[in-house]
């Protein structure tokens, strides 16, 4: 018994079947059958030849004249009964040839989606056998175990990331634009692991990734690898340099005298009283 994986053997046709005079001569019968199916007489072109399908079974091919059907042909299959002298039409089909333009194999839309295709309002179909997920934590009644699994590891969901899903996410993030090979990371002076704006992740992914919380960073709100980096690192600074236009030193004018009245103060014994009137004080006038 043949199996689904067994190779398909070519059908053997005897030379007598290939030279069946009744079927070979029924070209006009085959053309009339094709014209009966076609929308216009111009849709059926020249006779392209015949092929024997089996004993007393033969197909006639005609060129398809419709626009957009280059390389296609009409196939009319004829048959006759044993010792019969009259051909009978079995079926008429429009089939593609070797140079025909064919549509690609149809793929369901759920399998054609790629990252970035989902827009606001779109909903993905449920995948019960998604290999990226595995069943979440089911409470066991053990207080200590349940507290660790639910409160610390956040496993109280119907499904959580499987090892495959976690590894795929880690690979995608690490090789992406927020990993260590990004141009900004290569040019940065320090890595995110020492930045004060890094919010660590929990679980296994926290060993490699965190979330940036610096509004000045181009990665703000994004998952970054610990060895990523940018110019907004909390512990870096630019080198200080002098101004190209330094301020000139102040000029002091010592050639003029300005009279200043000093408020009276309590005098000590032996010193002149402050009631003697204003004193002359000579000071230099600073001119900036």
Protein backbone atom coordinates (compact mmCIF):
# COMPACT_ATOMS: atom_id res chain seq x y z
CA UNK A 1 0.00 0.00 0.00
CA UNK A 2 1.35 3.43 -0.93
CA UNK A 3 2.06 5.92 1.86
CA UNK A 4 1.80 9.69 1.89
CA UNK A 5 5.59 10.02 1.87
CA UNK A 6 6.12 7.57 -1.01
CA UNK A 7 7.33 9.21 -4.27
CA UNK A 8 4.71 9.61 -7.00
CA UNK A 9 5.54 7.41 -9.95
CA UNK A 10 5.07 8.70 -13.47
CA UNK A 11 2.04 7.26 -15.18
CA UNK A 12 2.95 4.81 -17.90
CA UNK A 13 0.96 5.14 -21.10
CA UNK A 14 1.23 2.67 -23.96
CA UNK A 15 2.23 3.77 -27.40
CA UNK A 16 -1.16 2.64 -28.69
CA UNK A 17 -2.87 5.10 -26.31
CA UNK A 18 -0.59 7.89 -27.47
CA UNK A 19 -1.50 7.21 -31.08
CA UNK A 20 -5.27 6.84 -30.61
CA UNK A 21 -6.52 8.10 -33.99
CA UNK A 22 -10.06 8.86 -32.78
CA UNK A 23 -8.93 11.06 -29.91
CA UNK A 24 -6.08 12.66 -31.82
CA UNK A 25 -8.44 13.71 -34.58
CA UNK A 26 -11.04 15.26 -32.26
CA UNK A 27 -9.37 18.68 -32.22
CA UNK A 28 -12.47 20.59 -33.31
CA UNK A 29 -14.60 18.77 -30.73
CA UNK A 30 -12.15 19.84 -28.01
CA UNK A 31 -12.06 23.43 -29.32
CA UNK A 32 -15.86 23.62 -29.33
CA UNK A 33 -15.89 22.44 -25.71
CA UNK A 34 -13.38 25.13 -24.73
CA UNK A 35 -15.36 27.84 -26.59
CA UNK A 36 -18.46 26.74 -24.76
CA UNK A 37 -16.75 27.53 -21.42
CA UNK A 38 -14.82 30.66 -22.49
CA UNK A 39 -16.38 34.12 -22.29
CA UNK A 40 -15.32 35.10 -25.81
CA UNK A 41 -14.20 33.24 -28.97
CA UNK A 42 -10.92 35.16 -28.80
CA UNK A 43 -10.19 33.57 -25.42
CA UNK A 44 -9.36 30.23 -27.07
CA UNK A 45 -6.20 30.40 -29.17
CA UNK A 46 -4.17 28.00 -31.24
CA UNK A 47 -3.95 24.28 -30.63
CA UNK A 48 -0.80 23.55 -28.60
CA UNK A 49 -0.76 19.78 -28.72
CA UNK A 50 -2.05 16.66 -26.99
CA UNK A 51 -1.04 14.41 -24.13
CA UNK A 52 -2.24 10.86 -23.49
CA UNK A 53 -3.58 10.46 -19.95
CA UNK A 54 -4.33 6.77 -20.21
CA UNK A 55 -5.98 4.13 -22.34
CA UNK A 56 -8.64 5.84 -24.50
CA UNK A 57 -8.10 9.08 -22.53
CA UNK A 58 -6.41 12.14 -24.06
CA UNK A 59 -6.12 15.90 -23.38
CA UNK A 60 -5.98 18.67 -26.00
CA UNK A 61 -4.35 22.00 -25.06
CA UNK A 62 -5.24 25.42 -26.50
CA UNK A 63 -3.58 28.77 -25.82
CA UNK A 64 -5.49 31.16 -23.51
CA UNK A 65 -6.05 34.53 -25.18
CA UNK A 66 -7.36 36.47 -22.15
CA UNK A 67 -5.39 39.45 -20.84
CA UNK A 68 -3.38 38.62 -17.77
CA UNK A 69 -3.32 34.88 -18.53
CA UNK A 70 -0.02 34.65 -20.36
CA UNK A 71 1.37 31.14 -20.06
CA UNK A 72 -2.04 29.60 -19.29
CA UNK A 73 -3.84 27.14 -21.54
CA UNK A 74 -7.19 25.49 -21.96
CA UNK A 75 -7.10 21.73 -21.35
CA UNK A 76 -9.94 19.64 -22.78
CA UNK A 77 -9.91 15.95 -21.83
CA UNK A 78 -11.58 13.52 -24.22
CA UNK A 79 -12.38 9.83 -23.84
CA UNK A 80 -13.98 7.02 -25.83
CA UNK A 81 -15.48 3.68 -24.91
CA UNK A 82 -13.74 0.45 -25.96
CA UNK A 83 -14.01 -0.04 -29.73
CA UNK A 84 -15.86 3.27 -29.92
CA UNK A 85 -15.37 5.61 -32.86
CA UNK A 86 -16.74 8.73 -31.20
CA UNK A 87 -14.90 10.91 -28.66
CA UNK A 88 -16.66 12.27 -25.59
CA UNK A 89 -15.76 15.40 -23.64
CA UNK A 90 -14.89 14.62 -20.01
CA UNK A 91 -13.85 18.04 -18.64
CA UNK A 92 -12.56 21.48 -19.60
CA UNK A 93 -10.02 23.29 -17.41
CA UNK A 94 -7.92 26.44 -17.56
CA UNK A 95 -4.48 25.43 -16.28
CA UNK A 96 -1.18 27.30 -15.78
CA UNK A 97 1.87 26.46 -17.81
CA UNK A 98 5.55 26.74 -16.95
CA UNK A 99 5.64 30.51 -17.66
CA UNK A 100 2.31 31.36 -16.04
CA UNK A 101 2.14 34.06 -13.38
CA UNK A 102 0.68 32.52 -10.23
CA UNK A 103 -0.41 34.03 -6.95
CA UNK A 104 1.76 33.06 -3.95
CA UNK A 105 0.56 30.25 -1.74
CA UNK A 106 -2.17 31.52 0.55
CA UNK A 107 -1.17 31.99 4.18
CA UNK A 108 -3.69 32.84 6.95
CA UNK A 109 -3.46 36.44 8.11
CA UNK A 110 -2.63 35.35 11.65
CA UNK A 111 0.57 33.76 10.29
CA UNK A 112 1.43 36.70 8.04
CA UNK A 113 1.61 39.20 10.90
CA UNK A 114 5.02 40.52 11.83
CA UNK A 115 6.22 42.61 14.78
CA UNK A 116 5.00 46.18 14.33
CA UNK A 117 1.92 45.23 12.27
CA UNK A 118 -0.53 45.39 15.19
CA UNK A 119 -2.17 48.81 15.37
CA UNK A 120 -4.41 50.36 18.06
CA UNK A 121 -7.71 48.46 18.12
CA UNK A 122 -6.30 45.29 16.49
CA UNK A 123 -6.64 41.98 18.33
CA UNK A 124 -4.45 38.95 17.79
CA UNK A 125 -6.01 35.47 17.67
CA UNK A 126 -5.58 33.29 20.75
CA UNK A 127 -2.86 30.64 20.49
CA UNK A 128 -3.41 27.85 22.95
CA UNK A 129 -0.17 26.13 21.96
CA UNK A 130 2.10 29.21 21.92
CA UNK A 131 5.58 27.81 22.64
CA UNK A 132 6.63 31.13 24.19
CA UNK A 133 4.23 30.61 27.10
CA UNK A 134 3.68 27.98 29.75
CA UNK A 135 1.07 27.52 32.51
CA UNK A 136 1.38 29.94 35.41
CA UNK A 137 1.44 29.14 39.13
CA UNK A 138 -1.42 27.22 40.67
CA UNK A 139 -1.77 27.85 44.44
CA UNK A 140 -0.70 24.78 46.40
CA UNK A 141 -1.94 25.80 49.82
CA UNK A 142 1.62 26.08 51.13
CA UNK A 143 1.82 29.64 52.40
CA UNK A 144 5.57 30.00 51.93
CA UNK A 145 5.67 28.59 48.41
CA UNK A 146 2.62 30.53 47.26
CA UNK A 147 3.95 33.79 48.69
CA UNK A 148 7.26 33.45 46.84
CA UNK A 149 5.63 32.41 43.55
CA UNK A 150 2.79 34.94 43.57
CA UNK A 151 4.16 37.98 45.41
CA UNK A 152 7.86 37.87 44.53
CA UNK A 153 7.92 36.10 41.16
CA UNK A 154 4.54 37.41 39.92
CA UNK A 155 3.46 34.00 38.59
CA UNK A 156 -0.23 34.37 39.50
CA UNK A 157 -1.36 34.37 35.87
CA UNK A 158 -2.91 31.73 33.68
CA UNK A 159 0.19 31.63 31.50
CA UNK A 160 3.70 33.06 31.90
CA UNK A 161 6.85 33.19 29.78
CA UNK A 162 8.33 29.81 28.98
CA UNK A 163 12.12 29.36 28.78
CA UNK A 164 11.83 29.60 24.98
CA UNK A 165 9.83 32.84 25.15
CA UNK A 166 12.27 34.33 27.66
CA UNK A 167 15.31 33.35 25.58
CA UNK A 168 13.77 34.76 22.38
CA UNK A 169 12.96 38.07 24.10
CA UNK A 170 16.44 38.33 25.61
CA UNK A 171 18.09 37.63 22.25
CA UNK A 172 15.85 40.16 20.48
CA UNK A 173 16.45 42.90 23.05
CA UNK A 174 20.18 42.29 23.36
CA UNK A 175 20.77 42.33 19.59
CA UNK A 176 18.44 45.30 19.06
CA UNK A 177 18.91 49.05 19.16
CA UNK A 178 19.09 49.12 22.99
CA UNK A 179 21.82 46.56 23.38
CA UNK A 180 25.59 46.97 23.69
CA UNK A 181 26.20 47.10 19.93
CA UNK A 182 24.02 50.15 19.25
CA UNK A 183 25.97 53.19 17.97
CA UNK A 184 24.98 55.25 21.02
CA UNK A 185 26.15 52.53 23.38
CA UNK A 186 29.50 52.16 21.63
CA UNK A 187 30.09 55.92 21.85
CA UNK A 188 29.00 56.27 25.49
CA UNK A 189 31.54 56.63 28.31
CA UNK A 190 29.75 54.43 30.86
CA UNK A 191 27.25 51.57 30.86
CA UNK A 192 23.68 51.58 32.12
CA UNK A 193 24.54 49.23 34.98
CA UNK A 194 26.14 52.14 36.89
CA UNK A 195 23.47 54.74 35.99
CA UNK A 196 21.18 56.03 38.71
CA UNK A 197 18.23 56.18 36.30
CA UNK A 198 18.22 52.41 35.65
CA UNK A 199 15.20 50.54 37.09
CA UNK A 200 16.15 46.84 37.41
CA UNK A 201 13.83 44.09 36.21
CA UNK A 202 12.79 41.14 38.35
CA UNK A 203 13.40 37.51 37.55
CA UNK A 204 15.86 35.97 35.13
CA UNK A 205 15.66 38.89 32.67
CA UNK A 206 16.84 41.22 35.42
CA UNK A 207 20.31 39.70 35.14
CA UNK A 208 20.72 41.36 31.74
CA UNK A 209 18.15 44.15 31.44
CA UNK A 210 16.53 47.11 33.13
CA UNK A 211 14.25 50.02 32.24
CA UNK A 212 15.58 53.53 31.59
CA UNK A 213 13.85 56.27 33.62
CA UNK A 214 15.78 59.31 32.39
CA UNK A 215 13.63 61.77 30.45
CA UNK A 216 16.72 63.20 28.74
CA UNK A 217 17.75 59.81 27.40
CA UNK A 218 16.60 58.57 23.96
CA UNK A 219 15.81 55.25 25.70
CA UNK A 220 13.46 56.70 28.33
CA UNK A 221 10.78 54.13 29.22
CA UNK A 222 12.49 51.39 27.18
CA UNK A 223 14.12 48.11 28.17
CA UNK A 224 17.91 48.44 27.89
CA UNK A 225 20.71 45.95 28.47
CA UNK A 226 22.93 46.55 31.47
CA UNK A 227 25.91 47.07 29.16
CA UNK A 228 24.04 49.57 27.00
CA UNK A 229 24.80 53.26 27.38
CA UNK A 230 24.00 56.79 26.23
CA UNK A 231 25.13 60.37 26.76
CA UNK A 232 22.59 61.00 29.54
CA UNK A 233 24.32 58.73 32.10
CA UNK A 234 23.84 60.05 35.62
CA UNK A 235 27.53 59.86 36.56
CA UNK A 236 29.18 61.36 33.48
CA UNK A 237 30.07 64.95 32.73
CA UNK A 238 31.51 66.98 29.88
CA UNK A 239 35.03 68.41 30.15
CA UNK A 240 35.11 72.03 31.32
CA UNK A 241 36.98 74.52 29.17
CA UNK A 242 37.51 78.24 29.28
CA UNK A 243 35.43 80.72 27.35
CA UNK A 244 36.56 81.82 23.93
CA UNK A 245 35.78 85.41 25.05
CA UNK A 246 37.20 85.80 28.61
CA UNK A 247 36.06 88.80 30.68
CA UNK A 248 38.77 91.54 30.99
CA UNK A 249 40.33 92.33 34.36
CA UNK A 250 38.69 95.31 36.23
CA UNK A 251 40.34 98.77 35.86
CA UNK A 252 40.94 100.83 39.04
CA UNK A 253 41.07 104.65 38.79
CA UNK A 254 43.30 106.02 41.58
CA UNK A 255 43.54 109.60 40.25
CA UNK A 256 40.21 110.97 41.59
CA UNK A 257 38.93 111.55 45.13
CA UNK A 258 35.40 110.83 46.31
CA UNK A 259 34.13 112.45 49.53
CA UNK A 260 32.32 109.91 51.75
CA UNK A 261 30.47 110.67 54.96
CA UNK A 262 31.09 108.05 57.66
CA UNK A 263 28.23 107.66 60.19
CA UNK A 264 29.05 108.75 63.77
CA UNK A 265 30.21 106.10 66.24
CA UNK A 266 30.80 106.14 70.02
CA UNK A 267 34.26 107.58 70.68
CA UNK A 268 36.74 106.12 73.20
CA UNK A 269 38.42 108.27 75.83
CA UNK A 270 41.24 110.24 74.35
CA UNK A 271 39.79 110.01 70.85
CA UNK A 272 38.08 112.90 69.07
CA UNK A 273 34.31 112.88 69.26
CA UNK A 274 32.32 111.89 66.19
CA UNK A 275 30.43 115.16 66.58
CA UNK A 276 33.26 117.05 65.01
CA UNK A 277 31.64 116.69 61.63
CA UNK A 278 32.27 114.68 58.54
CA UNK A 279 35.73 113.35 57.87
CA UNK A 280 37.51 113.35 54.56
CA UNK A 281 38.18 109.86 53.29
CA UNK A 282 40.13 109.37 50.18
CA UNK A 283 39.28 106.21 48.26
CA UNK A 284 40.05 104.89 44.87
CA UNK A 285 37.11 104.70 42.52
CA UNK A 286 36.75 101.30 40.85
CA UNK A 287 35.62 101.38 37.29
CA UNK A 288 34.63 97.98 35.93
